[in-house]
Amino acid sequence: MLLFSVFTIPISLFLNRQTDERITNILFNYSQPLFLLFLGSCRFHRWVKLVLLFLGYILYGYMCLYYMIGFHNHHWGN
């Protein structure tokens, strides 16, 4: 997952350089799911680790879709 994030975060920054999104906003939004993924690799109980990993993967996937595909595109009527 770390290798995947090494590629997706710079691509997201590159694709959104012309929008009014600040770089710090994009990086902060990616830091939350990555924090959950890293917490999921700690020494918690098995079910806590599974919940943290599941939430981390879901949020990271949503952020990738949001910034790379354009879920925030104002022309789509969202």
PDB file of N, CA and C in Angstrom:
ATOM      1  N   MET A   1       0.819  -1.194   0.000  1.00  0.00           N
ATOM      2  CA  MET A   1       0.000   0.000   0.000  1.00  0.00           C
ATOM      3  C   MET A   1       0.863   1.259   0.000  1.00  0.00           C
ATOM      4  N   LEU A   2       1.990   1.181   0.672  1.00  0.00           N
ATOM      5  CA  LEU A   2       2.877   2.340   0.706  1.00  0.00           C
ATOM      6  C   LEU A   2       3.413   2.663  -0.681  1.00  0.00           C
ATOM      7  N   LEU A   3       3.770   1.637  -1.431  1.00  0.00           N
ATOM      8  CA  LEU A   3       4.251   1.851  -2.796  1.00  0.00           C
ATOM      9  C   LEU A   3       3.147   2.427  -3.679  1.00  0.00           C
ATOM     10  N   PHE A   4       1.917   1.976  -3.464  1.00  0.00           N
ATOM     11  CA  PHE A   4       0.779   2.510  -4.212  1.00  0.00           C
ATOM     12  C   PHE A   4       0.568   3.990  -3.891  1.00  0.00           C
ATOM     13  N   SER A   5       0.720   4.367  -2.621  1.00  0.00           N
ATOM     14  CA  SER A   5       0.513   5.759  -2.238  1.00  0.00           C
ATOM     15  C   SER A   5       1.650   6.649  -2.725  1.00  0.00           C
ATOM     16  N   VAL A   6       2.829   6.079  -2.926  1.00  0.00           N
ATOM     17  CA  VAL A   6       3.947   6.864  -3.457  1.00  0.00           C
ATOM     18  C   VAL A   6       3.625   7.343  -4.868  1.00  0.00           C
ATOM     19  N   PHE A   7       2.863   6.569  -5.613  1.00  0.00           N
ATOM     20  CA  PHE A   7       2.496   6.959  -6.971  1.00  0.00           C
ATOM     21  C   PHE A   7       1.197   7.760  -7.032  1.00  0.00           C
ATOM     22  N   THR A   8       0.206   7.416  -6.232  1.00  0.00           N
ATOM     23  CA  THR A   8      -1.091   8.063  -6.371  1.00  0.00           C
ATOM     24  C   THR A   8      -1.124   9.482  -5.821  1.00  0.00           C
ATOM     25  N   ILE A   9      -0.403   9.760  -4.760  1.00  0.00           N
ATOM     26  CA  ILE A   9      -0.444  11.105  -4.189  1.00  0.00           C
ATOM     27  C   ILE A   9       0.201  12.133  -5.126  1.00  0.00           C
ATOM     28  N   PRO A  10       1.390  11.887  -5.693  1.00  0.00           N
ATOM     29  CA  PRO A  10       1.917  12.869  -6.661  1.00  0.00           C
ATOM     30  C   PRO A  10       1.056  13.006  -7.916  1.00  0.00           C
ATOM     31  N   ILE A  11       0.452  11.915  -8.365  1.00  0.00           N
ATOM     32  CA  ILE A  11      -0.432  12.012  -9.531  1.00  0.00           C
ATOM     33  C   ILE A  11      -1.639  12.882  -9.199  1.00  0.00           C
ATOM     34  N   SER A  12      -2.184  12.731  -7.999  1.00  0.00           N
ATOM     35  CA  SER A  12      -3.311  13.562  -7.590  1.00  0.00           C
ATOM     36  C   SER A  12      -2.918  15.038  -7.497  1.00  0.00           C
ATOM     37  N   LEU A  13      -1.728  15.295  -6.983  1.00  0.00           N
ATOM     38  CA  LEU A  13      -1.253  16.680  -6.919  1.00  0.00           C
ATOM     39  C   LEU A  13      -1.064  17.250  -8.315  1.00  0.00           C
ATOM     40  N   PHE A  14      -0.547  16.448  -9.244  1.00  0.00           N
ATOM     41  CA  PHE A  14      -0.336  16.903 -10.613  1.00  0.00           C
ATOM     42  C   PHE A  14      -1.664  17.185 -11.318  1.00  0.00           C
ATOM     43  N   LEU A  15      -2.642  16.311 -11.129  1.00  0.00           N
ATOM     44  CA  LEU A  15      -3.928  16.492 -11.800  1.00  0.00           C
ATOM     45  C   LEU A  15      -4.717  17.675 -11.262  1.00  0.00           C
ATOM     46  N   ASN A  16      -4.511  18.021 -10.005  1.00  0.00           N
ATOM     47  CA  ASN A  16      -5.281  19.098  -9.379  1.00  0.00           C
ATOM     48  C   ASN A  16      -4.489  20.385  -9.229  1.00  0.00           C
ATOM     49  N   ARG A  17      -3.421  20.547  -9.982  1.00  0.00           N
ATOM     50  CA  ARG A  17      -2.616  21.746  -9.852  1.00  0.00           C
ATOM     51  C   ARG A  17      -3.316  22.977 -10.415  1.00  0.00           C
ATOM     52  N   GLN A  18      -4.269  22.796 -11.329  1.00  0.00           N
ATOM     53  CA  GLN A  18      -4.962  23.929 -11.930  1.00  0.00           C
ATOM     54  C   GLN A  18      -6.242  24.303 -11.187  1.00  0.00           C
ATOM     55  N   THR A  19      -6.663  23.461 -10.267  1.00  0.00           N
ATOM     56  CA  THR A  19      -7.864  23.787  -9.501  1.00  0.00           C
ATOM     57  C   THR A  19      -7.491  24.667  -8.330  1.00  0.00           C
ATOM     58  N   ASP A  20      -8.477  25.057  -7.572  1.00  0.00           N
ATOM     59  CA  ASP A  20      -8.218  25.918  -6.421  1.00  0.00           C
ATOM     60  C   ASP A  20      -7.859  25.129  -5.168  1.00  0.00           C
ATOM     61  N   GLU A  21      -7.655  23.815  -5.316  1.00  0.00           N
ATOM     62  CA  GLU A  21      -7.263  22.983  -4.179  1.00  0.00           C
ATOM     63  C   GLU A  21      -5.841  23.324  -3.755  1.00  0.00           C
ATOM     64  N   ARG A  22      -5.660  23.487  -2.464  1.00  0.00           N
ATOM     65  CA  ARG A  22      -4.312  23.711  -1.952  1.00  0.00           C
ATOM     66  C   ARG A  22      -3.602  22.372  -1.778  1.00  0.00           C
ATOM     67  N   ILE A  23      -2.297  22.402  -1.915  1.00  0.00           N
ATOM     68  CA  ILE A  23      -1.515  21.174  -1.768  1.00  0.00           C
ATOM     69  C   ILE A  23      -1.646  20.631  -0.355  1.00  0.00           C
ATOM     70  N   THR A  24      -1.670  21.521   0.636  1.00  0.00           N
ATOM     71  CA  THR A  24      -1.780  21.060   2.024  1.00  0.00           C
ATOM     72  C   THR A  24      -3.120  20.394   2.269  1.00  0.00           C
ATOM     73  N   ASN A  25      -4.172  20.847   1.605  1.00  0.00           N
ATOM     74  CA  ASN A  25      -5.485  20.226   1.750  1.00  0.00           C
ATOM     75  C   ASN A  25      -5.483  18.804   1.195  1.00  0.00           C
ATOM     76  N   ILE A  26      -4.872  18.623   0.043  1.00  0.00           N
ATOM     77  CA  ILE A  26      -4.809  17.290  -0.567  1.00  0.00           C
ATOM     78  C   ILE A  26      -3.972  16.351   0.297  1.00  0.00           C
ATOM     79  N   LEU A  27      -2.830  16.826   0.769  1.00  0.00           N
ATOM     80  CA  LEU A  27      -1.966  15.983   1.590  1.00  0.00           C
ATOM     81  C   LEU A  27      -2.624  15.636   2.920  1.00  0.00           C
ATOM     82  N   PHE A  28      -3.346  16.587   3.513  1.00  0.00           N
ATOM     83  CA  PHE A  28      -4.039  16.302   4.770  1.00  0.00           C
ATOM     84  C   PHE A  28      -5.151  15.278   4.560  1.00  0.00           C
ATOM     85  N   ASN A  29      -5.858  15.374   3.447  1.00  0.00           N
ATOM     86  CA  ASN A  29      -6.934  14.415   3.178  1.00  0.00           C
ATOM     87  C   ASN A  29      -6.394  13.013   2.938  1.00  0.00           C
ATOM     88  N   TYR A  30      -5.226  12.888   2.356  1.00  0.00           N
ATOM     89  CA  TYR A  30      -4.617  11.568   2.186  1.00  0.00           C
ATOM     90  C   TYR A  30      -4.001  11.046   3.484  1.00  0.00           C
ATOM     91  N   SER A  31      -3.627  11.934   4.394  1.00  0.00           N
ATOM     92  CA  SER A  31      -2.962  11.483   5.618  1.00  0.00           C
ATOM     93  C   SER A  31      -3.909  10.738   6.551  1.00  0.00           C
ATOM     94  N   GLN A  32      -5.177  11.062   6.533  1.00  0.00           N
ATOM     95  CA  GLN A  32      -6.120  10.395   7.436  1.00  0.00           C
ATOM     96  C   GLN A  32      -6.278   8.910   7.130  1.00  0.00           C
ATOM     97  N   PRO A  33      -6.553   8.507   5.882  1.00  0.00           N
ATOM     98  CA  PRO A  33      -6.638   7.059   5.639  1.00  0.00           C
ATOM     99  C   PRO A  33      -5.302   6.335   5.781  1.00  0.00           C
ATOM    100  N   LEU A  34      -4.192   7.001   5.443  1.00  0.00           N
ATOM    101  CA  LEU A  34      -2.895   6.357   5.614  1.00  0.00           C
ATOM    102  C   LEU A  34      -2.580   6.157   7.099  1.00  0.00           C
ATOM    103  N   PHE A  35      -3.022   7.079   7.939  1.00  0.00           N
ATOM    104  CA  PHE A  35      -2.843   6.919   9.381  1.00  0.00           C
ATOM    105  C   PHE A  35      -3.629   5.704   9.884  1.00  0.00           C
ATOM    106  N   LEU A  36      -4.836   5.517   9.377  1.00  0.00           N
ATOM    107  CA  LEU A  36      -5.618   4.342   9.764  1.00  0.00           C
ATOM    108  C   LEU A  36      -4.951   3.050   9.294  1.00  0.00           C
ATOM    109  N   LEU A  37      -4.365   3.076   8.108  1.00  0.00           N
ATOM    110  CA  LEU A  37      -3.676   1.882   7.608  1.00  0.00           C
ATOM    111  C   LEU A  37      -2.448   1.556   8.452  1.00  0.00           C
ATOM    112  N   PHE A  38      -1.712   2.576   8.855  1.00  0.00           N
ATOM    113  CA  PHE A  38      -0.546   2.323   9.695  1.00  0.00           C
ATOM    114  C   PHE A  38      -0.958   1.883  11.089  1.00  0.00           C
ATOM    115  N   LEU A  39      -2.058   2.408  11.606  1.00  0.00           N
ATOM    116  CA  LEU A  39      -2.560   1.932  12.891  1.00  0.00           C
ATOM    117  C   LEU A  39      -3.018   0.479  12.794  1.00  0.00           C
ATOM    118  N   GLY A  40      -3.525   0.095  11.636  1.00  0.00           N
ATOM    119  CA  GLY A  40      -3.948  -1.286  11.439  1.00  0.00           C
ATOM    120  C   GLY A  40      -2.806  -2.278  11.436  1.00  0.00           C
ATOM    121  N   SER A  41      -1.593  -1.785  11.277  1.00  0.00           N
ATOM    122  CA  SER A  41      -0.442  -2.688  11.321  1.00  0.00           C
ATOM    123  C   SER A  41       0.183  -2.756  12.716  1.00  0.00           C
ATOM    124  N   CYS A  42      -0.407  -2.087  13.697  1.00  0.00           N
ATOM    125  CA  CYS A  42       0.127  -2.107  15.071  1.00  0.00           C
ATOM    126  C   CYS A  42      -0.347  -3.352  15.813  1.00  0.00           C
ATOM    127  N   ARG A  43       0.031  -3.453  17.060  1.00  0.00           N
ATOM    128  CA  ARG A  43      -0.294  -4.631  17.874  1.00  0.00           C
ATOM    129  C   ARG A  43      -1.607  -4.432  18.628  1.00  0.00           C
ATOM    130  N   PHE A  44      -2.683  -4.369  17.912  1.00  0.00           N
ATOM    131  CA  PHE A  44      -4.016  -4.331  18.504  1.00  0.00           C
ATOM    132  C   PHE A  44      -4.618  -5.727  18.401  1.00  0.00           C
ATOM    133  N   HIS A  45      -5.813  -5.870  18.959  1.00  0.00           N
ATOM    134  CA  HIS A  45      -6.530  -7.127  18.769  1.00  0.00           C
ATOM    135  C   HIS A  45      -6.849  -7.302  17.292  1.00  0.00           C
ATOM    136  N   ARG A  46      -7.079  -8.530  16.918  1.00  0.00           N
ATOM    137  CA  ARG A  46      -7.275  -8.839  15.497  1.00  0.00           C
ATOM    138  C   ARG A  46      -8.470  -8.104  14.904  1.00  0.00           C
ATOM    139  N   TRP A  47      -9.575  -8.027  15.617  1.00  0.00           N
ATOM    140  CA  TRP A  47     -10.762  -7.374  15.059  1.00  0.00           C
ATOM    141  C   TRP A  47     -10.568  -5.865  14.972  1.00  0.00           C
ATOM    142  N   VAL A  48      -9.797  -5.266  15.870  1.00  0.00           N
ATOM    143  CA  VAL A  48      -9.513  -3.825  15.791  1.00  0.00           C
ATOM    144  C   VAL A  48      -8.628  -3.547  14.572  1.00  0.00           C
ATOM    145  N   LYS A  49      -7.639  -4.414  14.348  1.00  0.00           N
ATOM    146  CA  LYS A  49      -6.787  -4.260  13.180  1.00  0.00           C
ATOM    147  C   LYS A  49      -7.583  -4.381  11.891  1.00  0.00           C
ATOM    148  N   LEU A  50      -8.503  -5.340  11.840  1.00  0.00           N
ATOM    149  CA  LEU A  50      -9.312  -5.515  10.630  1.00  0.00           C
ATOM    150  C   LEU A  50     -10.203  -4.311  10.369  1.00  0.00           C
ATOM    151  N   VAL A  51     -10.792  -3.755  11.417  1.00  0.00           N
ATOM    152  CA  VAL A  51     -11.652  -2.576  11.252  1.00  0.00           C
ATOM    153  C   VAL A  51     -10.835  -1.373  10.793  1.00  0.00           C
ATOM    154  N   LEU A  52      -9.658  -1.163  11.384  1.00  0.00           N
ATOM    155  CA  LEU A  52      -8.811  -0.040  10.985  1.00  0.00           C
ATOM    156  C   LEU A  52      -8.317  -0.191   9.548  1.00  0.00           C
ATOM    157  N   LEU A  53      -7.917  -1.396   9.180  1.00  0.00           N
ATOM    158  CA  LEU A  53      -7.485  -1.620   7.796  1.00  0.00           C
ATOM    159  C   LEU A  53      -8.628  -1.448   6.809  1.00  0.00           C
ATOM    160  N   PHE A  54      -9.805  -1.933   7.163  1.00  0.00           N
ATOM    161  CA  PHE A  54     -10.961  -1.790   6.282  1.00  0.00           C
ATOM    162  C   PHE A  54     -11.320  -0.312   6.085  1.00  0.00           C
ATOM    163  N   LEU A  55     -11.387   0.435   7.169  1.00  0.00           N
ATOM    164  CA  LEU A  55     -11.693   1.867   7.062  1.00  0.00           C
ATOM    165  C   LEU A  55     -10.609   2.616   6.299  1.00  0.00           C
ATOM    166  N   GLY A  56      -9.354   2.255   6.533  1.00  0.00           N
ATOM    167  CA  GLY A  56      -8.252   2.899   5.817  1.00  0.00           C
ATOM    168  C   GLY A  56      -8.311   2.658   4.324  1.00  0.00           C
ATOM    169  N   TYR A  57      -8.575   1.401   3.929  1.00  0.00           N
ATOM    170  CA  TYR A  57      -8.680   1.087   2.499  1.00  0.00           C
ATOM    171  C   TYR A  57      -9.876   1.781   1.850  1.00  0.00           C
ATOM    172  N   ILE A  58     -10.990   1.821   2.535  1.00  0.00           N
ATOM    173  CA  ILE A  58     -12.176   2.476   1.986  1.00  0.00           C
ATOM    174  C   ILE A  58     -11.939   3.973   1.817  1.00  0.00           C
ATOM    175  N   LEU A  59     -11.398   4.628   2.842  1.00  0.00           N
ATOM    176  CA  LEU A  59     -11.149   6.070   2.751  1.00  0.00           C
ATOM    177  C   LEU A  59     -10.064   6.405   1.730  1.00  0.00           C
ATOM    178  N   TYR A  60      -9.033   5.570   1.662  1.00  0.00           N
ATOM    179  CA  TYR A  60      -7.979   5.826   0.681  1.00  0.00           C
ATOM    180  C   TYR A  60      -8.511   5.647  -0.747  1.00  0.00           C
ATOM    181  N   GLY A  61      -9.320   4.641  -0.957  1.00  0.00           N
ATOM    182  CA  GLY A  61      -9.929   4.461  -2.272  1.00  0.00           C
ATOM    183  C   GLY A  61     -10.839   5.612  -2.647  1.00  0.00           C
ATOM    184  N   TYR A  62     -11.576   6.123  -1.666  1.00  0.00           N
ATOM    185  CA  TYR A  62     -12.454   7.266  -1.931  1.00  0.00           C
ATOM    186  C   TYR A  62     -11.635   8.504  -2.269  1.00  0.00           C
ATOM    187  N   MET A  63     -10.541   8.732  -1.556  1.00  0.00           N
ATOM    188  CA  MET A  63      -9.701   9.898  -1.849  1.00  0.00           C
ATOM    189  C   MET A  63      -9.073   9.783  -3.231  1.00  0.00           C
ATOM    190  N   CYS A  64      -8.676   8.581  -3.618  1.00  0.00           N
ATOM    191  CA  CYS A  64      -8.139   8.391  -4.980  1.00  0.00           C
ATOM    192  C   CYS A  64      -9.196   8.711  -6.018  1.00  0.00           C
ATOM    193  N   LEU A  65     -10.399   8.234  -5.815  1.00  0.00           N
ATOM    194  CA  LEU A  65     -11.474   8.535  -6.758  1.00  0.00           C
ATOM    195  C   LEU A  65     -11.829  10.015  -6.748  1.00  0.00           C
ATOM    196  N   TYR A  66     -11.805  10.624  -5.582  1.00  0.00           N
ATOM    197  CA  TYR A  66     -12.182  12.025  -5.445  1.00  0.00           C
ATOM    198  C   TYR A  66     -11.200  12.934  -6.178  1.00  0.00           C
ATOM    199  N   TYR A  67      -9.922  12.707  -5.994  1.00  0.00           N
ATOM    200  CA  TYR A  67      -8.936  13.606  -6.572  1.00  0.00           C
ATOM    201  C   TYR A  67      -8.455  13.196  -7.960  1.00  0.00           C
ATOM    202  N   MET A  68      -8.508  11.922  -8.302  1.00  0.00           N
ATOM    203  CA  MET A  68      -7.957  11.506  -9.588  1.00  0.00           C
ATOM    204  C   MET A  68      -9.013  11.413 -10.681  1.00  0.00           C
ATOM    205  N   ILE A  69     -10.199  10.947 -10.353  1.00  0.00           N
ATOM    206  CA  ILE A  69     -11.241  10.825 -11.371  1.00  0.00           C
ATOM    207  C   ILE A  69     -12.063  12.099 -11.467  1.00  0.00           C
ATOM    208  N   GLY A  70     -12.255  12.773 -10.363  1.00  0.00           N
ATOM    209  CA  GLY A  70     -12.943  14.053 -10.410  1.00  0.00           C
ATOM    210  C   GLY A  70     -14.308  14.039  -9.769  1.00  0.00           C
ATOM    211  N   PHE A  71     -14.478  13.342  -8.659  1.00  0.00           N
ATOM    212  CA  PHE A  71     -15.758  13.395  -7.965  1.00  0.00           C
ATOM    213  C   PHE A  71     -16.080  14.811  -7.501  1.00  0.00           C
ATOM    214  N   HIS A  72     -15.082  15.675  -7.419  1.00  0.00           N
ATOM    215  CA  HIS A  72     -15.280  17.050  -6.978  1.00  0.00           C
ATOM    216  C   HIS A  72     -15.463  18.010  -8.149  1.00  0.00           C
ATOM    217  N   ASN A  73     -15.681  17.496  -9.345  1.00  0.00           N
ATOM    218  CA  ASN A  73     -15.834  18.310 -10.539  1.00  0.00           C
ATOM    219  C   ASN A  73     -17.162  19.062 -10.459  1.00  0.00           C
ATOM    220  N   HIS A  74     -17.099  20.394 -10.515  1.00  0.00           N
ATOM    221  CA  HIS A  74     -18.311  21.197 -10.380  1.00  0.00           C
ATOM    222  C   HIS A  74     -19.199  21.144 -11.623  1.00  0.00           C
ATOM    223  N   HIS A  75     -18.691  20.648 -12.727  1.00  0.00           N
ATOM    224  CA  HIS A  75     -19.504  20.535 -13.941  1.00  0.00           C
ATOM    225  C   HIS A  75     -20.425  19.315 -13.906  1.00  0.00           C
ATOM    226  N   TRP A  76     -20.220  18.404 -12.987  1.00  0.00           N
ATOM    227  CA  TRP A  76     -21.042  17.203 -12.908  1.00  0.00           C
ATOM    228  C   TRP A  76     -22.334  17.427 -12.141  1.00  0.00           C
ATOM    229  N   GLY A  77     -22.477  18.562 -11.513  1.00  0.00           N
ATOM    230  CA  GLY A  77     -23.704  18.861 -10.778  1.00  0.00           C
ATOM    231  C   GLY A  77     -23.760  18.236  -9.405  1.00  0.00           C
ATOM    232  N   ASN A  78     -22.607  17.980  -8.803  1.00  0.00           N
ATOM    233  CA  ASN A  78     -22.580  17.419  -7.445  1.00  0.00           C
ATOM    234  C   ASN A  78     -22.773  18.518  -6.432  1.00  0.00           C
TER     235      ASN A  78
END
